[in-house]
Amino acid sequence: MAAEQGEQTSQPAPHRPDAPPVWALATAFAGGVVGAAQSRINAELGTALADGFAAGLTSFGVGLIVVTAVIAARPRLRRRTADLLTDLARGRVPWLYAFGAIGGVAYVLGQSLVVALTGVALFLVCVVAGQTISGMVLDRVGFGPSGPRTVSLNRLGGAALMLVAAAISVSGGFTGGIHVLPLLAPIAAGLLMGYQAAANGQVTAHAGHFLVATHWNFLLGTVLLAAAAIVNIVVNGPPTVPPADPLLFTGGVLGIAVVGVSAALVQHLGVLTFSMTLVAGQIIGSLLLDAALHPSALTLPTVLGAALTLVAAVLTAGMWPRRRPSPRSVRFSALDRD
């Protein structure tokens, strides 16, 4: 009988976690703001090079060089990085966790290949839709390091509101003609970005430090983008002469912060809450950049949609509305925990 009970409790049940720590939400939001700046820089670099593949490879390559230098300067991180590479080679890390970098690669390639067909606004909404779906599913099955999580009304409502808010915030960029088939690319990119966050979180848990997982992410991503860039050069020719502005090469440095935040915080927030908070930071960060660079381009729907993304992130996190527990619920609260 005891053995049967042990077998029944061996699998973790989906749970409704307490409200996540505010510091983790604030850090994820800040990561999204940094991500907005990174996207703007990479887009400028892609325009300057006339080659989105080369811009993506440059961003990943610079990030790889910087994070490798940081790890090389710290013996403890060097050992952990070597151990991770050994474990990956010997199959000690499940292969499903080893390819998180394809999320970032898919996003970069999606921008390069289909934005001209879908428009930036529709591309972004489809990416958010993909992130929302993958975050909900991956949390439910427990793929991320925080284990399985229930699909609560707060999470469903927050995810739905995020889609509406993202659509409102970029509504000024929608165009009349919509090509349905290319929409699959940004949706797939969003799905893979949710997978990237969960996989990097698992690698962080295995390696013991988020920078080790970040290094692996940039290493694999650089290899994949190098292969894509070579094919593009063969087909379309080399990119133009690199621009002289050094700021255009800082996207990879900012990418370290974005990937590092992802690897470090998924275990505290879960995939969905992290993704929604990151998206809120990206959209509000883009709004702030527009306000600084092109204030005349701001519209009421843009500001309203950006504000609603923050409300959606808070709602998804389960921080609002919060009801005061009754004495009965307090008495039996221990029964609801894992």
Foldseek 3Di string as FASTA:
>chain_A
DVVVVCVVVVADAAAADDQFDPVLLVLLLQLLLLVLVLVVLLVVQCVQQVHLLVSLLLLLVVLLVVLVVVQVVDVVSVVLLVVLVVCVVVVVDPPLLQALLVLVVLVSVLCRPPCVQAPPLLLLLLLLLLLLVLQQVCQCCQLALQGHHDCDPLQVVLSVLLSVLSCLQCVVGGDDDHDPVSSVSSSVSSNSNLSSLRSLQVSCVVSVASSSSLSSSSVVNSVVSVVVQVVCCVVPNGTDDRDPDPVSSCSNVSVSSSSSSSNPNCNRQGSNLSSLSSNLSNLVSNVVVCCVVPVVPDDPSSVRSSVSSVVSSCSSSVNPPDDDDDPVCVVCVVVSDD
